[in-house]
């Protein structure tokens, strides 16, 4: 690249080589300090991300375990309902008058409670 002024002369720098060298050294040390700072921040961010990721994995595992337990429990409900239904049918067949009398009493009590 040609650094000539519009007049055709080359620009002159008004400083000596030691001043330029000192400025270059300061720039390089500043760049190194910036690199070190960025590396420190990146390391801290990486460890924080690792901790957050670990906590998220634990939460997902806990939720999956709870869902599996709930699904297992829910799968037994139809069987329990069937047993309860069979038991109620057997009880009604064994004592039909007592069952009807009990239903009338319960209906009367619920009607009285509904008035309050």
PDB file of N, CA and C in Angstrom:
ATOM      1  N   UNK A   1       0.845  -1.169   0.000  1.00  0.00           N
ATOM      2  CA  UNK A   1       0.000   0.000   0.000  1.00  0.00           C
ATOM      3  C   UNK A   1       0.892   1.235   0.000  1.00  0.00           C
ATOM      4  N   UNK A   2       0.593   2.138  -0.826  1.00  0.00           N
ATOM      5  CA  UNK A   2       1.401   3.351  -0.966  1.00  0.00           C
ATOM      6  C   UNK A   2       0.853   4.414  -0.032  1.00  0.00           C
ATOM      7  N   UNK A   3       1.687   4.875   0.907  1.00  0.00           N
ATOM      8  CA  UNK A   3       1.269   5.897   1.861  1.00  0.00           C
ATOM      9  C   UNK A   3       1.854   7.252   1.439  1.00  0.00           C
ATOM     10  N   UNK A   4       1.304   7.789   0.440  1.00  0.00           N
ATOM     11  CA  UNK A   4       1.742   9.109   0.000  1.00  0.00           C
ATOM     12  C   UNK A   4       0.604  10.082   0.183  1.00  0.00           C
ATOM     13  N   UNK A   5       0.951  11.270   0.507  1.00  0.00           N
ATOM     14  CA  UNK A   5      -0.044  12.320   0.640  1.00  0.00           C
ATOM     15  C   UNK A   5      -0.418  12.819  -0.742  1.00  0.00           C
ATOM     16  N   UNK A   6      -1.465  13.574  -0.794  1.00  0.00           N
ATOM     17  CA  UNK A   6      -1.898  14.088  -2.090  1.00  0.00           C
ATOM     18  C   UNK A   6      -0.835  14.970  -2.730  1.00  0.00           C
ATOM     19  N   UNK A   7       0.092  15.442  -1.922  1.00  0.00           N
ATOM     20  CA  UNK A   7       1.159  16.286  -2.470  1.00  0.00           C
ATOM     21  C   UNK A   7       2.292  15.446  -3.004  1.00  0.00           C
ATOM     22  N   UNK A   8       2.238  14.126  -2.743  1.00  0.00           N
ATOM     23  CA  UNK A   8       3.279  13.268  -3.272  1.00  0.00           C
ATOM     24  C   UNK A   8       4.360  12.972  -2.262  1.00  0.00           C
ATOM     25  N   UNK A   9       4.221  13.429  -1.028  1.00  0.00           N
ATOM     26  CA  UNK A   9       5.248  13.167  -0.019  1.00  0.00           C
ATOM     27  C   UNK A   9       4.797  12.026   0.865  1.00  0.00           C
ATOM     28  N   UNK A  10       5.712  11.319   1.471  1.00  0.00           N
ATOM     29  CA  UNK A  10       5.384  10.233   2.392  1.00  0.00           C
ATOM     30  C   UNK A  10       5.226  10.817   3.778  1.00  0.00           C
ATOM     31  N   UNK A  11       4.296  10.276   4.582  1.00  0.00           N
ATOM     32  CA  UNK A  11       4.098  10.834   5.917  1.00  0.00           C
ATOM     33  C   UNK A  11       5.290  10.532   6.804  1.00  0.00           C
ATOM     34  N   UNK A  12       5.551  11.414   7.713  1.00  0.00           N
ATOM     35  CA  UNK A  12       6.652  11.205   8.658  1.00  0.00           C
ATOM     36  C   UNK A  12       6.050  11.058  10.047  1.00  0.00           C
ATOM     37  N   UNK A  13       6.610  10.183  10.845  1.00  0.00           N
ATOM     38  CA  UNK A  13       6.137   9.953  12.204  1.00  0.00           C
ATOM     39  C   UNK A  13       6.975  10.776  13.142  1.00  0.00           C
ATOM     40  N   UNK A  14       6.323  11.442  14.059  1.00  0.00           N
ATOM     41  CA  UNK A  14       7.053  12.335  14.950  1.00  0.00           C
ATOM     42  C   UNK A  14       7.380  11.624  16.247  1.00  0.00           C
ATOM     43  N   UNK A  15       7.930  10.505  16.196  1.00  0.00           N
ATOM     44  CA  UNK A  15       8.332   9.791  17.387  1.00  0.00           C
ATOM     45  C   UNK A  15       9.518   8.930  17.070  1.00  0.00           C
ATOM     46  N   UNK A  16      10.257   8.578  18.141  1.00  0.00           N
ATOM     47  CA  UNK A  16      11.411   7.740  17.862  1.00  0.00           C
ATOM     48  C   UNK A  16      11.015   6.277  17.985  1.00  0.00           C
ATOM     49  N   UNK A  17      11.895   5.410  17.623  1.00  0.00           N
ATOM     50  CA  UNK A  17      11.608   3.976  17.609  1.00  0.00           C
ATOM     51  C   UNK A  17      11.335   3.426  19.000  1.00  0.00           C
ATOM     52  N   UNK A  18      11.934   3.955  20.046  1.00  0.00           N
ATOM     53  CA  UNK A  18      11.714   3.442  21.392  1.00  0.00           C
ATOM     54  C   UNK A  18      10.292   3.766  21.870  1.00  0.00           C
ATOM     55  N   UNK A  19       9.749   4.893  21.491  1.00  0.00           N
ATOM     56  CA  UNK A  19       8.387   5.252  21.851  1.00  0.00           C
ATOM     57  C   UNK A  19       7.399   4.312  21.165  1.00  0.00           C
ATOM     58  N   UNK A  20       7.639   4.020  19.895  1.00  0.00           N
ATOM     59  CA  UNK A  20       6.789   3.095  19.157  1.00  0.00           C
ATOM     60  C   UNK A  20       6.890   1.703  19.758  1.00  0.00           C
ATOM     61  N   UNK A  21       8.097   1.313  20.133  1.00  0.00           N
ATOM     62  CA  UNK A  21       8.313  -0.004  20.741  1.00  0.00           C
ATOM     63  C   UNK A  21       7.594  -0.100  22.084  1.00  0.00           C
ATOM     64  N   UNK A  22       7.632   0.947  22.872  1.00  0.00           N
ATOM     65  CA  UNK A  22       6.932   0.951  24.162  1.00  0.00           C
ATOM     66  C   UNK A  22       5.426   0.873  23.960  1.00  0.00           C
ATOM     67  N   UNK A  23       4.929   1.594  22.991  1.00  0.00           N
ATOM     68  CA  UNK A  23       3.498   1.563  22.704  1.00  0.00           C
ATOM     69  C   UNK A  23       3.088   0.172  22.244  1.00  0.00           C
ATOM     70  N   UNK A  24       3.906  -0.442  21.403  1.00  0.00           N
ATOM     71  CA  UNK A  24       3.624  -1.796  20.933  1.00  0.00           C
ATOM     72  C   UNK A  24       3.631  -2.777  22.096  1.00  0.00           C
ATOM     73  N   UNK A  25       4.603  -2.625  22.996  1.00  0.00           N
ATOM     74  CA  UNK A  25       4.663  -3.504  24.170  1.00  0.00           C
ATOM     75  C   UNK A  25       3.432  -3.339  25.052  1.00  0.00           C
ATOM     76  N   UNK A  26       2.975  -2.107  25.229  1.00  0.00           N
ATOM     77  CA  UNK A  26       1.778  -1.865  26.039  1.00  0.00           C
ATOM     78  C   UNK A  26       0.540  -2.482  25.381  1.00  0.00           C
ATOM     79  N   UNK A  27       0.468  -2.353  24.074  1.00  0.00           N
ATOM     80  CA  UNK A  27      -0.667  -2.937  23.357  1.00  0.00           C
ATOM     81  C   UNK A  27      -0.646  -4.452  23.491  1.00  0.00           C
ATOM     82  N   UNK A  28       0.526  -5.053  23.333  1.00  0.00           N
ATOM     83  CA  UNK A  28       0.641  -6.510  23.445  1.00  0.00           C
ATOM     84  C   UNK A  28       0.317  -6.981  24.868  1.00  0.00           C
ATOM     85  N   UNK A  29       0.783  -6.254  25.882  1.00  0.00           N
ATOM     86  CA  UNK A  29       0.486  -6.660  27.261  1.00  0.00           C
ATOM     87  C   UNK A  29      -1.004  -6.477  27.567  1.00  0.00           C
ATOM     88  N   UNK A  30      -1.591  -5.433  27.004  1.00  0.00           N
ATOM     89  CA  UNK A  30      -3.034  -5.248  27.160  1.00  0.00           C
ATOM     90  C   UNK A  30      -3.810  -6.357  26.489  1.00  0.00           C
ATOM     91  N   UNK A  31      -3.361  -6.770  25.308  1.00  0.00           N
ATOM     92  CA  UNK A  31      -4.017  -7.870  24.599  1.00  0.00           C
ATOM     93  C   UNK A  31      -3.885  -9.173  25.383  1.00  0.00           C
ATOM     94  N   UNK A  32      -2.706  -9.418  25.945  1.00  0.00           N
ATOM     95  CA  UNK A  32      -2.520 -10.629  26.754  1.00  0.00           C
ATOM     96  C   UNK A  32      -3.415 -10.600  27.990  1.00  0.00           C
ATOM     97  N   UNK A  33      -3.512  -9.450  28.645  1.00  0.00           N
ATOM     98  CA  UNK A  33      -4.382  -9.323  29.817  1.00  0.00           C
ATOM     99  C   UNK A  33      -5.838  -9.565  29.422  1.00  0.00           C
ATOM    100  N   UNK A  34      -6.239  -9.041  28.267  1.00  0.00           N
ATOM    101  CA  UNK A  34      -7.605  -9.263  27.800  1.00  0.00           C
ATOM    102  C   UNK A  34      -7.842 -10.744  27.511  1.00  0.00           C
ATOM    103  N   UNK A  35      -6.861 -11.407  26.899  1.00  0.00           N
ATOM    104  CA  UNK A  35      -6.980 -12.845  26.632  1.00  0.00           C
ATOM    105  C   UNK A  35      -7.108 -13.626  27.948  1.00  0.00           C
ATOM    106  N   UNK A  36      -6.293 -13.274  28.927  1.00  0.00           N
ATOM    107  CA  UNK A  36      -6.362 -13.962  30.223  1.00  0.00           C
ATOM    108  C   UNK A  36      -7.715 -13.740  30.881  1.00  0.00           C
ATOM    109  N   UNK A  37      -8.229 -12.530  30.811  1.00  0.00           N
ATOM    110  CA  UNK A  37      -9.540 -12.235  31.399  1.00  0.00           C
ATOM    111  C   UNK A  37     -10.633 -13.023  30.699  1.00  0.00           C
ATOM    112  N   UNK A  38     -10.576 -13.056  29.384  1.00  0.00           N
ATOM    113  CA  UNK A  38     -11.569 -13.829  28.634  1.00  0.00           C
ATOM    114  C   UNK A  38     -11.478 -15.307  28.994  1.00  0.00           C
ATOM    115  N   UNK A  39     -10.263 -15.835  29.131  1.00  0.00           N
ATOM    116  CA  UNK A  39     -10.090 -17.243  29.504  1.00  0.00           C
ATOM    117  C   UNK A  39     -10.664 -17.520  30.891  1.00  0.00           C
ATOM    118  N   UNK A  40     -10.433 -16.614  31.843  1.00  0.00           N
ATOM    119  CA  UNK A  40     -10.976 -16.791  33.197  1.00  0.00           C
ATOM    120  C   UNK A  40     -12.497 -16.786  33.188  1.00  0.00           C
ATOM    121  N   UNK A  41     -13.067 -15.827  32.458  1.00  0.00           N
ATOM    122  CA  UNK A  41     -14.532 -15.736  32.372  1.00  0.00           C
ATOM    123  C   UNK A  41     -15.093 -16.981  31.698  1.00  0.00           C
ATOM    124  N   UNK A  42     -14.429 -17.448  30.645  1.00  0.00           N
ATOM    125  CA  UNK A  42     -14.896 -18.643  29.944  1.00  0.00           C
ATOM    126  C   UNK A  42     -14.834 -19.870  30.851  1.00  0.00           C
ATOM    127  N   UNK A  43     -13.760 -19.991  31.647  1.00  0.00           N
ATOM    128  CA  UNK A  43     -13.653 -21.119  32.572  1.00  0.00           C
ATOM    129  C   UNK A  43     -14.757 -21.082  33.620  1.00  0.00           C
ATOM    130  N   UNK A  44     -15.022 -19.899  34.164  1.00  0.00           N
ATOM    131  CA  UNK A  44     -16.088 -19.776  35.157  1.00  0.00           C
ATOM    132  C   UNK A  44     -17.443 -20.074  34.540  1.00  0.00           C
ATOM    133  N   UNK A  45     -17.658 -19.580  33.335  1.00  0.00           N
ATOM    134  CA  UNK A  45     -18.937 -19.837  32.659  1.00  0.00           C
ATOM    135  C   UNK A  45     -19.092 -21.325  32.367  1.00  0.00           C
ATOM    136  N   UNK A  46     -18.015 -21.974  31.956  1.00  0.00           N
ATOM    137  CA  UNK A  46     -18.085 -23.407  31.655  1.00  0.00           C
ATOM    138  C   UNK A  46     -18.411 -24.208  32.908  1.00  0.00           C
ATOM    139  N   UNK A  47     -17.803 -23.856  34.036  1.00  0.00           N
ATOM    140  CA  UNK A  47     -18.102 -24.591  35.259  1.00  0.00           C
ATOM    141  C   UNK A  47     -19.538 -24.320  35.719  1.00  0.00           C
ATOM    142  N   UNK A  48     -20.009 -23.094  35.535  1.00  0.00           N
ATOM    143  CA  UNK A  48     -21.393 -22.783  35.901  1.00  0.00           C
ATOM    144  C   UNK A  48     -22.370 -23.526  35.006  1.00  0.00           C
ATOM    145  N   UNK A  49     -22.070 -23.570  33.731  1.00  0.00           N
ATOM    146  CA  UNK A  49     -22.933 -24.302  32.798  1.00  0.00           C
ATOM    147  C   UNK A  49     -22.938 -25.779  33.159  1.00  0.00           C
ATOM    148  N   UNK A  50     -21.790 -26.303  33.540  1.00  0.00           N
ATOM    149  CA  UNK A  50     -21.712 -27.706  33.952  1.00  0.00           C
ATOM    150  C   UNK A  50     -22.572 -27.978  35.174  1.00  0.00           C
ATOM    151  N   UNK A  51     -22.532 -27.077  36.151  1.00  0.00           N
ATOM    152  CA  UNK A  51     -23.343 -27.261  37.358  1.00  0.00           C
ATOM    153  C   UNK A  51     -24.831 -27.163  37.036  1.00  0.00           C
ATOM    154  N   UNK A  52     -25.203 -26.189  36.231  1.00  0.00           N
ATOM    155  CA  UNK A  52     -26.606 -26.027  35.855  1.00  0.00           C
ATOM    156  C   UNK A  52     -27.076 -27.233  35.054  1.00  0.00           C
ATOM    157  N   UNK A  53     -26.230 -27.702  34.166  1.00  0.00           N
ATOM    158  CA  UNK A  53     -26.575 -28.874  33.367  1.00  0.00           C
ATOM    159  C   UNK A  53     -26.763 -30.094  34.260  1.00  0.00           C
ATOM    160  N   UNK A  54     -25.882 -30.259  35.238  1.00  0.00           N
ATOM    161  CA  UNK A  54     -26.011 -31.382  36.164  1.00  0.00           C
ATOM    162  C   UNK A  54     -27.296 -31.300  36.970  1.00  0.00           C
ATOM    163  N   UNK A  55     -27.623 -30.105  37.431  1.00  0.00           N
ATOM    164  CA  UNK A  55     -28.867 -29.925  38.192  1.00  0.00           C
ATOM    165  C   UNK A  55     -30.083 -30.199  37.319  1.00  0.00           C
ATOM    166  N   UNK A  56     -30.028 -29.760  36.071  1.00  0.00           N
ATOM    167  CA  UNK A  56     -31.147 -30.014  35.157  1.00  0.00           C
ATOM    168  C   UNK A  56     -31.310 -31.506  34.895  1.00  0.00           C
ATOM    169  N   UNK A  57     -30.182 -32.205  34.729  1.00  0.00           N
ATOM    170  CA  UNK A  57     -30.254 -33.657  34.519  1.00  0.00           C
ATOM    171  C   UNK A  57     -30.857 -34.360  35.739  1.00  0.00           C
ATOM    172  N   UNK A  58     -30.465 -33.924  36.928  1.00  0.00           N
ATOM    173  CA  UNK A  58     -31.023 -34.518  38.148  1.00  0.00           C
ATOM    174  C   UNK A  58     -32.518 -34.261  38.241  1.00  0.00           C
ATOM    175  N   UNK A  59     -32.945 -33.059  37.888  1.00  0.00           N
ATOM    176  CA  UNK A  59     -34.372 -32.737  37.943  1.00  0.00           C
ATOM    177  C   UNK A  59     -35.157 -33.584  36.945  1.00  0.00           C
ATOM    178  N   UNK A  60     -34.611 -33.748  35.754  1.00  0.00           N
ATOM    179  CA  UNK A  60     -35.290 -34.565  34.737  1.00  0.00           C
ATOM    180  C   UNK A  60     -35.347 -36.020  35.190  1.00  0.00           C
ATOM    181  N   UNK A  61     -34.251 -36.516  35.756  1.00  0.00           N
ATOM    182  CA  UNK A  61     -34.246 -37.897  36.249  1.00  0.00           C
ATOM    183  C   UNK A  61     -35.264 -38.089  37.366  1.00  0.00           C
ATOM    184  N   UNK A  62     -35.348 -37.115  38.265  1.00  0.00           N
ATOM    185  CA  UNK A  62     -36.329 -37.186  39.348  1.00  0.00           C
ATOM    186  C   UNK A  62     -37.750 -37.173  38.822  1.00  0.00           C
ATOM    187  N   UNK A  63     -38.008 -36.297  37.859  1.00  0.00           N
ATOM    188  CA  UNK A  63     -39.352 -36.229  37.270  1.00  0.00           C
ATOM    189  C   UNK A  63     -39.686 -37.525  36.534  1.00  0.00           C
ATOM    190  N   UNK A  64     -38.709 -38.087  35.842  1.00  0.00           N
ATOM    191  CA  UNK A  64     -38.952 -39.347  35.127  1.00  0.00           C
ATOM    192  C   UNK A  64     -39.229 -40.475  36.106  1.00  0.00           C
ATOM    193  N   UNK A  65     -38.504 -40.494  37.218  1.00  0.00           N
ATOM    194  CA  UNK A  65     -38.752 -41.513  38.241  1.00  0.00           C
ATOM    195  C   UNK A  65     -40.134 -41.377  38.847  1.00  0.00           C
ATOM    196  N   UNK A  66     -40.530 -40.148  39.134  1.00  0.00           N
ATOM    197  CA  UNK A  66     -41.866 -39.918  39.704  1.00  0.00           C
ATOM    198  C   UNK A  66     -42.951 -40.298  38.704  1.00  0.00           C
ATOM    199  N   UNK A  67     -42.737 -39.978  37.438  1.00  0.00           N
ATOM    200  CA  UNK A  67     -43.729 -40.328  36.417  1.00  0.00           C
ATOM    201  C   UNK A  67     -43.839 -41.841  36.257  1.00  0.00           C
ATOM    202  N   UNK A  68     -42.707 -42.535  36.333  1.00  0.00           N
ATOM    203  CA  UNK A  68     -42.742 -43.993  36.216  1.00  0.00           C
ATOM    204  C   UNK A  68     -43.490 -44.612  37.392  1.00  0.00           C
ATOM    205  N   UNK A  69     -43.254 -44.087  38.595  1.00  0.00           N
ATOM    206  CA  UNK A  69     -43.956 -44.592  39.775  1.00  0.00           C
ATOM    207  C   UNK A  69     -45.452 -44.322  39.665  1.00  0.00           C
ATOM    208  N   UNK A  70     -45.815 -43.120  39.225  1.00  0.00           N
ATOM    209  CA  UNK A  70     -47.237 -42.770  39.069  1.00  0.00           C
ATOM    210  C   UNK A  70     -47.895 -43.646  38.001  1.00  0.00           C
ATOM    211  N   UNK A  71     -47.186 -43.914  36.927  1.00  0.00           N
ATOM    212  CA  UNK A  71     -47.748 -44.762  35.863  1.00  0.00           C
ATOM    213  C   UNK A  71     -47.945 -46.195  36.358  1.00  0.00           C
ATOM    214  N   UNK A  72     -46.992 -46.657  37.141  1.00  0.00           N
ATOM    215  CA  UNK A  72     -47.122 -48.009  37.690  1.00  0.00           C
ATOM    216  C   UNK A  72     -48.317 -48.088  38.634  1.00  0.00           C
ATOM    217  N   UNK A  73     -48.476 -47.072  39.492  1.00  0.00           N
ATOM    218  CA  UNK A  73     -49.612 -47.047  40.407  1.00  0.00           C
ATOM    219  C   UNK A  73     -50.924 -46.964  39.629  1.00  0.00           C
ATOM    220  N   UNK A  74     -50.962 -46.111  38.604  1.00  0.00           N
ATOM    221  CA  UNK A  74     -52.186 -45.934  37.821  1.00  0.00           C
ATOM    222  C   UNK A  74     -52.564 -47.205  37.067  1.00  0.00           C
ATOM    223  N   UNK A  75     -51.571 -48.006  36.726  1.00  0.00           N
ATOM    224  CA  UNK A  75     -51.882 -49.243  36.005  1.00  0.00           C
ATOM    225  C   UNK A  75     -52.576 -50.261  36.902  1.00  0.00           C
ATOM    226  N   UNK A  76     -52.483 -50.107  38.213  1.00  0.00           N
ATOM    227  CA  UNK A  76     -53.163 -51.027  39.129  1.00  0.00           C
ATOM    228  C   UNK A  76     -54.594 -50.585  39.427  1.00  0.00           C
ATOM    229  N   UNK A  77     -54.984 -49.375  39.076  1.00  0.00           N
ATOM    230  CA  UNK A  77     -56.319 -48.862  39.384  1.00  0.00           C
ATOM    231  C   UNK A  77     -57.431 -49.686  38.732  1.00  0.00           C
ATOM    232  N   UNK A  78     -57.341 -50.033  37.460  1.00  0.00           N
ATOM    233  CA  UNK A  78     -58.436 -50.831  36.879  1.00  0.00           C
ATOM    234  C   UNK A  78     -58.639 -52.172  37.601  1.00  0.00           C
ATOM    235  N   UNK A  79     -57.556 -52.792  37.982  1.00  0.00           N
ATOM    236  CA  UNK A  79     -57.663 -54.066  38.703  1.00  0.00           C
ATOM    237  C   UNK A  79     -58.340 -53.855  40.057  1.00  0.00           C
ATOM    238  N   UNK A  80     -57.939 -52.794  40.768  1.00  0.00           N
ATOM    239  CA  UNK A  80     -58.544 -52.509  42.069  1.00  0.00           C
ATOM    240  C   UNK A  80     -60.016 -52.141  41.914  1.00  0.00           C
ATOM    241  N   UNK A  81     -60.349 -51.380  40.885  1.00  0.00           N
ATOM    242  CA  UNK A  81     -61.747 -51.005  40.652  1.00  0.00           C
ATOM    243  C   UNK A  81     -62.586 -52.241  40.333  1.00  0.00           C
ATOM    244  N   UNK A  82     -62.017 -53.152  39.591  1.00  0.00           N
ATOM    245  CA  UNK A  82     -62.726 -54.388  39.256  1.00  0.00           C
ATOM    246  C   UNK A  82     -62.996 -55.203  40.519  1.00  0.00           C
ATOM    247  N   UNK A  83     -61.990 -55.298  41.390  1.00  0.00           N
ATOM    248  CA  UNK A  83     -62.166 -56.042  42.646  1.00  0.00           C
ATOM    249  C   UNK A  83     -63.220 -55.372  43.528  1.00  0.00           C
ATOM    250  N   UNK A  84     -63.184 -54.047  43.595  1.00  0.00           N
ATOM    251  CA  UNK A  84     -64.160 -53.316  44.407  1.00  0.00           C
ATOM    252  C   UNK A  84     -65.569 -53.522  43.855  1.00  0.00           C
ATOM    253  N   UNK A  85     -65.712 -53.466  42.556  1.00  0.00           N
ATOM    254  CA  UNK A  85     -67.012 -53.668  41.920  1.00  0.00           C
ATOM    255  C   UNK A  85     -67.546 -55.073  42.196  1.00  0.00           C
ATOM    256  N   UNK A  86     -66.694 -56.077  42.060  1.00  0.00           N
ATOM    257  CA  UNK A  86     -67.103 -57.459  42.334  1.00  0.00           C
ATOM    258  C   UNK A  86     -67.515 -57.623  43.797  1.00  0.00           C
ATOM    259  N   UNK A  87     -66.769 -56.992  44.692  1.00  0.00           N
ATOM    260  CA  UNK A  87     -67.075 -57.077  46.119  1.00  0.00           C
ATOM    261  C   UNK A  87     -68.421 -56.415  46.423  1.00  0.00           C
ATOM    262  N   UNK A  88     -68.657 -55.239  45.812  1.00  0.00           N
ATOM    263  CA  UNK A  88     -69.933 -54.536  46.039  1.00  0.00           C
ATOM    264  C   UNK A  88     -71.095 -55.351  45.492  1.00  0.00           C
ATOM    265  N   UNK A  89     -70.932 -55.936  44.321  1.00  0.00           N
ATOM    266  CA  UNK A  89     -71.997 -56.759  43.741  1.00  0.00           C
ATOM    267  C   UNK A  89     -72.307 -57.967  44.626  1.00  0.00           C
ATOM    268  N   UNK A  90     -71.268 -58.589  45.152  1.00  0.00           N
ATOM    269  CA  UNK A  90     -71.467 -59.759  46.019  1.00  0.00           C
ATOM    270  C   UNK A  90     -72.184 -59.350  47.298  1.00  0.00           C
ATOM    271  N   UNK A  91     -71.820 -58.184  47.861  1.00  0.00           N
ATOM    272  CA  UNK A  91     -72.457 -57.705  49.090  1.00  0.00           C
ATOM    273  C   UNK A  91     -73.930 -57.376  48.844  1.00  0.00           C
ATOM    274  N   UNK A  92     -74.238 -56.749  47.704  1.00  0.00           N
ATOM    275  CA  UNK A  92     -75.623 -56.399  47.377  1.00  0.00           C
ATOM    276  C   UNK A  92     -76.461 -57.657  47.171  1.00  0.00           C
ATOM    277  N   UNK A  93     -75.895 -58.655  46.497  1.00  0.00           N
ATOM    278  CA  UNK A  93     -76.623 -59.906  46.278  1.00  0.00           C
ATOM    279  C   UNK A  93     -76.876 -60.647  47.599  1.00  0.00           C
ATOM    280  N   UNK A  94     -75.921 -60.539  48.517  1.00  0.00           N
ATOM    281  CA  UNK A  94     -76.060 -61.253  49.792  1.00  0.00           C
ATOM    282  C   UNK A  94     -77.113 -60.589  50.689  1.00  0.00           C
ATOM    283  N   UNK A  95     -77.206 -59.245  50.687  1.00  0.00           N
ATOM    284  CA  UNK A  95     -78.145 -58.527  51.559  1.00  0.00           C
ATOM    285  C   UNK A  95     -78.829 -57.401  50.779  1.00  0.00           C
ATOM    286  N   UNK A  96     -79.749 -57.698  49.930  1.00  0.00           N
ATOM    287  CA  UNK A  96     -80.364 -56.649  49.108  1.00  0.00           C
ATOM    288  C   UNK A  96     -81.186 -55.656  49.905  1.00  0.00           C
ATOM    289  N   UNK A  97     -81.951 -56.106  50.911  1.00  0.00           N
ATOM    290  CA  UNK A  97     -82.776 -55.172  51.692  1.00  0.00           C
ATOM    291  C   UNK A  97     -81.910 -54.230  52.520  1.00  0.00           C
ATOM    292  N   UNK A  98     -80.856 -54.734  53.108  1.00  0.00           N
ATOM    293  CA  UNK A  98     -79.956 -53.886  53.899  1.00  0.00           C
ATOM    294  C   UNK A  98     -79.292 -52.837  53.003  1.00  0.00           C
ATOM    295  N   UNK A  99     -78.954 -53.233  51.805  1.00  0.00           N
ATOM    296  CA  UNK A  99     -78.312 -52.298  50.881  1.00  0.00           C
ATOM    297  C   UNK A  99     -79.267 -51.175  50.492  1.00  0.00           C
ATOM    298  N   UNK A 100     -80.509 -51.516  50.190  1.00  0.00           N
ATOM    299  CA  UNK A 100     -81.500 -50.503  49.818  1.00  0.00           C
ATOM    300  C   UNK A 100     -81.772 -49.586  51.008  1.00  0.00           C
ATOM    301  N   UNK A 101     -81.913 -50.151  52.218  1.00  0.00           N
ATOM    302  CA  UNK A 101     -82.160 -49.339  53.418  1.00  0.00           C
ATOM    303  C   UNK A 101     -80.983 -48.402  53.674  1.00  0.00           C
ATOM    304  N   UNK A 102     -79.777 -48.913  53.513  1.00  0.00           N
ATOM    305  CA  UNK A 102     -78.580 -48.078  53.698  1.00  0.00           C
ATOM    306  C   UNK A 102     -78.532 -46.949  52.688  1.00  0.00           C
ATOM    307  N   UNK A 103     -78.903 -47.231  51.441  1.00  0.00           N
ATOM    308  CA  UNK A 103     -78.902 -46.204  50.402  1.00  0.00           C
ATOM    309  C   UNK A 103     -79.931 -45.120  50.713  1.00  0.00           C
ATOM    310  N   UNK A 104     -81.104 -45.528  51.241  1.00  0.00           N
ATOM    311  CA  UNK A 104     -82.137 -44.553  51.588  1.00  0.00           C
ATOM    312  C   UNK A 104     -81.653 -43.660  52.723  1.00  0.00           C
ATOM    313  N   UNK A 105     -81.036 -44.240  53.737  1.00  0.00           N
ATOM    314  CA  UNK A 105     -80.533 -43.455  54.875  1.00  0.00           C
ATOM    315  C   UNK A 105     -79.448 -42.489  54.413  1.00  0.00           C
ATOM    316  N   UNK A 106     -78.530 -42.956  53.608  1.00  0.00           N
ATOM    317  CA  UNK A 106     -77.453 -42.084  53.126  1.00  0.00           C
ATOM    318  C   UNK A 106     -78.027 -40.959  52.265  1.00  0.00           C
ATOM    319  N   UNK A 107     -78.991 -41.266  51.425  1.00  0.00           N
ATOM    320  CA  UNK A 107     -79.635 -40.235  50.599  1.00  0.00           C
ATOM    321  C   UNK A 107     -80.331 -39.195  51.444  1.00  0.00           C
ATOM    322  N   UNK A 108     -81.033 -39.647  52.505  1.00  0.00           N
ATOM    323  CA  UNK A 108     -81.720 -38.720  53.397  1.00  0.00           C
ATOM    324  C   UNK A 108     -80.706 -37.797  54.084  1.00  0.00           C
ATOM    325  N   UNK A 109     -79.601 -38.370  54.598  1.00  0.00           N
ATOM    326  CA  UNK A 109     -78.589 -37.555  55.287  1.00  0.00           C
ATOM    327  C   UNK A 109     -77.929 -36.557  54.338  1.00  0.00           C
ATOM    328  N   UNK A 110     -77.653 -36.975  53.135  1.00  0.00           N
ATOM    329  CA  UNK A 110     -77.050 -36.046  52.169  1.00  0.00           C
ATOM    330  C   UNK A 110     -78.018 -34.930  51.801  1.00  0.00           C
ATOM    331  N   UNK A 111     -79.301 -35.258  51.711  1.00  0.00           N
ATOM    332  CA  UNK A 111     -80.306 -34.225  51.446  1.00  0.00           C
ATOM    333  C   UNK A 111     -80.394 -33.227  52.563  1.00  0.00           C
ATOM    334  N   UNK A 112     -80.311 -33.712  53.797  1.00  0.00           N
ATOM    335  CA  UNK A 112     -80.338 -32.793  54.956  1.00  0.00           C
ATOM    336  C   UNK A 112     -79.108 -31.906  54.994  1.00  0.00           C
ATOM    337  N   UNK A 113     -77.942 -32.478  54.664  1.00  0.00           N
ATOM    338  CA  UNK A 113     -76.703 -31.682  54.650  1.00  0.00           C
ATOM    339  C   UNK A 113     -76.734 -30.643  53.541  1.00  0.00           C
ATOM    340  N   UNK A 114     -77.403 -30.951  52.451  1.00  0.00           N
ATOM    341  CA  UNK A 114     -77.436 -30.019  51.315  1.00  0.00           C
ATOM    342  C   UNK A 114     -78.297 -28.798  51.645  1.00  0.00           C
ATOM    343  N   UNK A 115     -79.187 -28.896  52.610  1.00  0.00           N
ATOM    344  CA  UNK A 115     -80.049 -27.760  52.980  1.00  0.00           C
ATOM    345  C   UNK A 115     -79.286 -26.711  53.765  1.00  0.00           C
ATOM    346  N   UNK A 116     -78.208 -27.069  54.394  1.00  0.00           N
ATOM    347  CA  UNK A 116     -77.464 -26.096  55.223  1.00  0.00           C
ATOM    348  C   UNK A 116     -76.709 -25.198  54.359  1.00  0.00           C
TER     349      UNK A 116
END
